[in-house]
Protein backbone atom coordinates (compact mmCIF):
# COMPACT_ATOMS: atom_id res chain seq x y z
CA MET A 1 208.02 63.42 -61.38
CA VAL A 2 205.70 60.43 -61.67
CA THR A 3 207.39 57.10 -62.15
CA THR A 4 206.04 54.12 -64.01
CA GLN A 5 206.03 51.65 -61.12
CA ASN A 6 202.95 51.14 -59.02
CA PRO A 7 203.70 50.83 -55.27
CA ALA A 8 200.16 49.56 -54.67
CA GLY A 9 200.31 46.97 -57.41
CA PRO A 10 198.47 46.97 -60.75
CA PRO A 11 194.69 47.40 -60.80
CA PRO A 12 192.64 44.21 -60.78
CA SER A 13 191.88 42.60 -64.10
CA ASP A 14 188.45 42.46 -65.67
CA SER A 15 187.86 38.84 -64.63
CA ARG A 16 188.57 39.36 -60.92
CA ARG A 17 185.90 41.00 -58.80
CA ARG A 18 186.88 43.81 -56.50
CA PRO A 19 186.39 43.47 -52.71
CA ARG A 20 183.16 44.79 -51.37
CA ARG A 21 183.40 48.14 -49.64
CA SER A 22 181.38 49.35 -46.73
CA ARG A 23 180.53 52.96 -47.67
CA PRO A 24 180.74 53.71 -51.38
CA LEU A 25 180.61 57.27 -52.65
CA THR A 26 177.76 56.38 -54.96
CA PRO A 27 174.47 54.54 -54.41
CA VAL A 28 174.37 50.83 -55.13
CA GLN A 29 173.24 50.20 -58.68
CA LYS A 30 169.64 49.01 -59.02
CA PRO A 31 168.58 46.37 -61.56
CA ALA A 32 168.12 47.52 -65.13
CA GLY A 33 164.76 49.05 -66.00
CA ARG A 34 164.13 50.61 -62.58
CA THR A 35 164.44 54.36 -62.23
CA ALA A 36 163.45 54.68 -58.58
CA PRO A 37 163.98 52.67 -55.38
CA ASP A 38 161.22 50.66 -53.76
CA ALA A 39 159.18 52.17 -51.00
CA ALA A 40 160.70 49.75 -48.51
CA ASP A 41 164.24 50.89 -49.43
CA ALA A 42 163.40 54.58 -49.76
CA GLY A 43 163.82 57.12 -47.00
CA PRO A 44 161.08 59.25 -45.44
CA GLU A 45 161.54 62.01 -48.02
CA GLN A 46 161.30 59.54 -50.91
CA ARG A 47 158.27 57.67 -49.51
CA ALA A 48 156.45 60.96 -49.06
CA GLY A 49 156.38 61.52 -52.83
CA LEU A 50 155.37 57.96 -53.82
CA PRO A 51 151.69 57.30 -54.54
CA ASP A 52 149.83 54.56 -52.77
CA ALA A 53 149.14 51.51 -54.93
CA PRO A 54 147.58 48.12 -54.31
CA SER A 55 149.99 45.39 -53.35
CA ASP A 56 148.95 43.17 -56.25
CA GLN A 57 149.63 45.79 -58.93
CA PRO A 58 152.99 47.37 -59.86
CA ARG A 59 153.34 50.95 -58.76
CA GLN A 60 153.37 53.48 -61.61
CA LEU A 61 155.37 56.64 -60.91
CA THR A 62 154.79 59.90 -62.68
CA PRO A 63 157.84 61.45 -64.40
CA ALA A 64 158.16 64.05 -61.64
CA GLN A 65 158.03 61.42 -58.90
CA ALA A 66 160.58 59.22 -60.64
CA PHE A 67 162.89 62.20 -61.13
CA ASP A 68 162.53 63.27 -57.50
CA ALA A 69 163.33 59.74 -56.34
CA LEU A 70 166.45 59.59 -58.51
CA TYR A 71 167.55 63.02 -57.29
CA ALA A 72 167.07 62.15 -53.61
CA PHE A 73 168.91 58.87 -54.19
CA CYS A 74 171.94 60.21 -56.11
CA ALA A 75 172.37 63.96 -55.51
CA PRO A 76 174.09 63.88 -52.06
CA ALA A 77 176.70 61.36 -53.23
CA LEU A 78 177.29 63.23 -56.50
CA VAL A 79 177.94 66.49 -54.66
CA ARG A 80 180.61 64.78 -52.55
CA GLN A 81 182.21 63.23 -55.64
CA THR A 82 182.35 66.49 -57.56
CA TYR A 83 183.87 68.17 -54.52
CA LEU A 84 186.74 65.70 -54.71
CA LEU A 85 187.16 66.60 -58.38
CA THR A 86 187.10 70.39 -58.00
CA GLY A 87 187.83 71.25 -54.37
CA ARG A 88 185.04 73.86 -54.54
CA ARG A 89 181.83 73.42 -52.62
CA GLU A 90 179.66 75.84 -54.62
CA LEU A 91 180.94 74.53 -57.94
CA ALA A 92 180.14 70.98 -56.87
CA ARG A 93 176.53 71.92 -56.08
CA GLU A 94 176.18 73.87 -59.34
CA ALA A 95 177.53 70.97 -61.41
CA VAL A 96 175.14 68.47 -59.85
CA GLU A 97 172.13 70.77 -60.22
CA ARG A 98 173.05 71.48 -63.84
CA ALA A 99 173.38 67.75 -64.54
CA PHE A 100 169.92 67.03 -63.09
CA GLN A 101 168.44 69.97 -64.99
CA LEU A 102 169.73 68.45 -68.22
CA ALA A 103 168.39 65.08 -67.10
CA TRP A 104 164.93 66.57 -66.56
CA GLN A 105 165.03 68.19 -70.00
CA ARG A 106 165.84 64.79 -71.53
CA TRP A 107 163.88 62.72 -69.03
CA PRO A 108 162.15 60.40 -71.54
CA ASP A 109 165.59 59.23 -72.73
CA VAL A 110 167.22 59.26 -69.30
CA ALA A 111 164.38 57.25 -67.73
CA ARG A 112 164.85 54.51 -70.34
CA ASP A 113 168.63 54.51 -69.95
CA ARG A 114 170.26 51.38 -68.58
CA ASP A 115 171.94 53.40 -65.80
CA PRO A 116 170.25 56.79 -65.14
CA ALA A 117 172.55 57.45 -62.17
CA GLY A 118 175.59 56.89 -64.37
CA TRP A 119 174.18 59.25 -67.02
CA VAL A 120 173.76 62.03 -64.46
CA ARG A 121 177.17 61.32 -62.93
CA ALA A 122 178.94 61.64 -66.28
CA VAL A 123 177.23 64.97 -67.01
CA ALA A 124 177.99 66.28 -63.50
CA TYR A 125 181.68 65.37 -63.89
CA ASP A 126 181.83 67.09 -67.28
CA CYS A 127 180.25 70.24 -65.86
CA ALA A 128 182.55 70.25 -62.83
CA LEU A 129 185.74 69.77 -64.87
CA SER A 130 184.84 72.26 -67.61
CA PRO A 131 187.83 74.55 -68.36
CA TRP A 132 185.52 77.55 -68.80
CA HIS A 133 185.13 77.92 -65.02
CA ARG A 134 188.53 79.58 -64.86
CA PHE A 135 187.09 82.66 -66.60
CA ARG A 136 184.36 83.16 -63.99
CA PRO A 137 185.28 85.88 -61.48
CA ARG A 138 183.81 83.99 -58.53
CA HIS A 139 186.03 80.97 -59.22
CA ARG A 140 189.32 82.84 -59.53
CA SER A 141 189.82 83.16 -55.78
CA PRO A 142 190.38 79.91 -53.81
CA GLU A 143 187.83 78.66 -51.31
CA PRO A 144 188.65 77.97 -47.66
CA PRO A 145 190.45 74.61 -47.38
CA PRO A 146 189.26 71.78 -45.10
CA ALA A 147 189.88 72.23 -41.41
CA ASP A 148 191.84 68.98 -40.97
CA PRO A 149 195.49 69.26 -42.16
CA ALA A 150 195.40 65.67 -43.44
CA ASP A 151 192.31 66.47 -45.51
CA ARG A 152 194.02 69.55 -46.90
CA GLU A 153 197.04 67.53 -47.99
CA LEU A 154 194.89 64.87 -49.65
CA LEU A 155 192.75 67.44 -51.44
CA HIS A 156 195.86 69.28 -52.62
CA ALA A 157 197.30 66.01 -53.91
CA LEU A 158 194.09 65.31 -55.83
CA LEU A 159 193.91 68.79 -57.37
CA THR A 160 197.51 68.57 -58.62
CA LEU A 161 196.56 65.58 -60.79
CA PRO A 162 195.45 66.12 -64.39
CA PRO A 163 191.65 66.18 -64.72
CA ALA A 164 191.52 62.84 -66.56
CA TYR A 165 193.70 61.12 -63.91
CA ARG A 166 191.71 62.69 -61.08
CA ARG A 167 188.42 61.54 -62.59
CA THR A 168 189.70 58.01 -63.08
CA LEU A 169 190.97 57.82 -59.51
CA VAL A 170 187.68 59.07 -58.04
CA LEU A 171 185.62 56.67 -60.14
CA TYR A 172 187.74 53.60 -59.39
CA ASP A 173 188.96 54.13 -55.82
CA GLY A 174 186.19 56.43 -54.63
CA VAL A 175 182.97 55.41 -56.37
CA GLY A 176 183.97 51.77 -56.72
CA LEU A 177 183.49 51.14 -60.45
CA ASP A 178 185.45 48.39 -62.10
CA LEU A 179 188.06 49.11 -64.73
CA PRO A 180 185.90 48.64 -67.89
CA GLU A 181 183.14 50.86 -66.48
CA THR A 182 185.71 53.50 -65.50
CA ALA A 183 187.20 53.39 -68.99
CA ALA A 184 183.78 53.69 -70.60
CA GLU A 185 182.76 56.66 -68.45
CA THR A 186 186.04 58.48 -69.05
CA GLU A 187 185.85 57.74 -72.79
CA ALA A 188 189.15 55.88 -72.81
CA SER A 189 190.33 52.36 -73.52
CA THR A 190 190.79 49.93 -70.68
CA PRO A 191 194.63 49.99 -70.89
CA ALA A 192 194.57 53.81 -70.93
CA ALA A 193 192.31 53.90 -67.87
CA ALA A 194 194.60 51.43 -66.08
CA SER A 195 197.63 53.57 -66.90
CA ARG A 196 195.89 56.71 -65.63
CA LEU A 197 194.89 54.96 -62.43
CA THR A 198 198.42 53.68 -61.86
CA HIS A 199 200.03 57.09 -62.37
CA ALA A 200 197.40 58.80 -60.21
CA ARG A 201 198.01 56.39 -57.35
CA GLU A 202 201.76 56.87 -57.67
CA ALA A 203 201.41 60.65 -57.60
CA VAL A 204 199.24 60.54 -54.49
CA ALA A 205 201.55 58.03 -52.81
CA ALA A 206 204.55 60.25 -53.56
CA ARG A 207 202.94 63.06 -51.56
CA LEU A 208 201.25 60.85 -48.95
CA PRO A 209 203.14 57.57 -48.51
CA GLU A 210 200.58 56.26 -46.04
CA LEU A 211 198.01 56.14 -48.87
CA ALA A 212 199.97 53.71 -51.03
CA ASP A 213 197.47 51.02 -50.10
CA PRO A 214 194.28 51.30 -52.27
CA ALA A 215 192.12 50.38 -49.29
CA ALA A 216 193.61 53.21 -47.23
CA LEU A 217 193.16 55.60 -50.15
CA HIS A 218 189.52 54.59 -50.51
CA ARG A 219 188.91 55.12 -46.79
CA ARG A 220 190.56 58.56 -46.84
CA LEU A 221 188.52 59.60 -49.87
CA LEU A 222 185.35 58.68 -47.99
CA GLU A 223 186.46 60.62 -44.95
CA LEU A 224 187.38 63.68 -46.99
CA ALA A 225 184.07 63.70 -48.84
CA SER A 226 182.06 63.14 -45.67
CA ALA A 227 183.87 65.79 -43.61
CA GLU A 228 182.43 68.71 -45.60
CA ARG A 229 178.86 69.90 -45.25
CA LEU A 230 177.71 69.74 -48.84
CA GLY A 231 173.99 70.24 -49.25
CA SER A 232 171.89 70.02 -52.40
CA ALA A 233 168.78 71.81 -53.56
CA ARG A 234 165.29 70.33 -53.44
CA PRO A 235 164.13 68.30 -56.44
CA THR A 236 161.26 70.70 -57.10
CA GLN A 237 163.72 73.59 -57.32
CA VAL A 238 165.84 71.70 -59.82
CA ARG A 239 162.83 70.85 -61.98
CA THR A 240 161.57 74.44 -61.78
CA GLY A 241 165.00 75.80 -62.71
CA SER A 242 165.18 73.45 -65.68
CA GLU A 243 161.74 74.51 -66.90
CA ARG A 244 162.60 78.18 -66.49
CA ARG A 245 165.80 77.67 -68.45
CA ASN A 246 163.85 75.99 -71.24
CA VAL A 247 161.37 78.87 -71.35
CA PHE A 248 164.18 81.43 -71.41
CA TRP A 249 166.06 79.79 -74.27
CA THR A 250 162.84 79.21 -76.20
CA ARG A 251 161.94 82.87 -75.96
CA ALA A 252 165.49 83.87 -76.83
CA ALA A 253 165.38 81.66 -79.93
CA ILE A 254 162.02 83.14 -80.97
CA ALA A 255 163.30 86.70 -80.45
CA PHE A 256 166.45 85.95 -82.44
CA THR A 257 164.42 84.43 -85.27
CA VAL A 258 162.06 87.43 -85.36
CA THR A 259 165.06 89.79 -85.45
CA ILE A 260 166.61 87.92 -88.38
CA VAL A 261 163.30 87.88 -90.29
CA GLY A 262 162.77 91.61 -89.65
CA ALA A 263 166.28 92.50 -90.74
CA THR A 264 165.90 90.39 -93.91
CA THR A 265 162.55 92.02 -94.73
CA LEU A 266 163.96 95.52 -94.21
CA THR A 267 166.91 94.71 -96.42
CA LEU A 268 164.66 93.45 -99.22
CA ARG A 269 162.49 96.57 -99.02
CA THR A 270 165.34 99.09 -99.02
CA ALA A 271 167.88 97.38 -101.26
CA PRO A 272 168.27 98.79 -104.84
CA THR A 273 166.57 96.87 -107.66
CA ARG A 274 169.10 97.72 -110.41
CA TYR A 275 172.79 97.96 -110.74
CA GLU A 276 174.28 101.40 -110.20
CA PRO A 277 177.91 101.65 -111.25
CA PRO A 278 180.05 103.32 -108.65
CA ILE A 279 181.35 106.84 -109.30
CA ALA A 280 185.00 106.81 -110.13
CA PRO A 281 187.14 108.72 -107.69
CA ALA A 282 188.39 112.13 -108.77
CA GLN A 283 191.80 112.25 -110.43
CA ALA A 284 194.06 115.11 -111.35
CA VAL A 285 194.03 116.03 -115.09
CA ARG A 286 197.49 115.98 -116.56
CA GLY A 287 198.91 117.33 -119.86
CA VAL A 288 196.92 120.62 -119.97
CA PRO A 289 199.15 123.48 -121.16
CA ALA A 290 199.62 126.33 -118.79
CA ALA A 291 197.70 129.56 -119.44
CA GLY A 292 199.77 132.04 -121.47
CA VAL A 293 200.69 135.43 -120.10
CA MET A 294 198.74 138.25 -121.84
CA GLY A 295 201.11 140.69 -123.55
CA PRO A 296 200.54 144.33 -124.53
CA LEU A 297 197.46 145.14 -126.74
CA SER A 298 197.89 146.21 -130.32
CA ARG A 299 196.48 149.43 -131.74
CA GLU A 300 193.41 147.74 -133.16
CA GLU A 301 192.72 145.96 -129.85
CA ARG A 302 192.99 149.17 -127.88
CA ALA A 303 190.62 150.93 -130.32
CA LEU A 304 188.11 148.11 -129.97
CA ARG A 305 188.32 148.32 -126.20
CA GLU A 306 187.65 152.04 -126.22
CA LYS A 307 184.72 151.55 -128.57
CA LEU A 308 183.18 148.92 -126.32
CA ARG A 309 183.55 151.08 -123.26
CA LYS A 310 181.82 154.07 -124.94
CA ALA A 311 178.99 152.07 -126.45
CA GLU A 312 175.67 151.74 -124.66
CA THR A 313 175.07 148.73 -122.49
CA ASN A 314 171.55 148.15 -123.85
CA GLY A 315 170.26 148.09 -127.40
CA PRO A 316 170.23 145.93 -130.47
CA GLU A 317 173.78 146.81 -131.31
CA ARG A 318 174.83 144.75 -128.36
CA VAL A 319 172.92 141.78 -129.71
CA PHE A 320 173.57 142.18 -133.42
CA PRO A 321 177.07 143.41 -134.21
CA GLU A 322 177.38 146.21 -136.74
CA PRO A 323 178.99 145.35 -140.06
CA ARG A 324 182.26 147.02 -140.75
């Protein structure tokens, strides 16, 4: 049972800056208005996709180049973060790819966002923590745990936390966000985020007392995320997958619309144009007297019967009765 005391002390307040960490789980935030790193800060893969520009003019990136730079800059760290949230390697890669596919679909808005990396991170976390994954057959069986027993214990301690507490702990102690940013990304108030962080630390410390120190917990989170080989797809594959998904859903919407229009037209052509009252169901007739039992014939009736039997079957006398 989680107690209400924090062995590591309360989280820092908004006015106090957190100590600088050596290896954050997320890239360092760039100044607002920039969607890609400079060529001097970019790696070989990023510089390969950047166009050459004169030194006296600002470099203009195409949307595809800016997206590829953001993907190469953020995707590896996001895969490690989502692995800490889910404990599943394939699900972590799927969540990050899905988040970047949505970012490419909404790239004009994402490129103008104040923090494009934060936008993609929030979507990736939502995809990774979606409760619908439990209904997928491939996610019902557990994946192989980490090889190190200490990593297995830490990952098990993380997965026993509620999703909201786990997300808050990863953002604050793993990614390195401050408390207001963590609260904003988890869609909670600052006191609620602080309470979640405190309870999450206490739950982890109850299982692993050596991680009561936030610095030790941050270091172990880095080691756990870095110990697994978590690769990501190429940016071109992500953009192609996003475009194919758009084409598929567009065609599906067109086909659905055509089906609805065809069904409506067929209904209008075959529907009746006037009201036809329904036929009442059959009912048993009551109150009819029962048929009487025929008694013996009188003398006159027997004589008439004999006369009819002897008379001819054809002739006017059968049509016009004879007067008596």
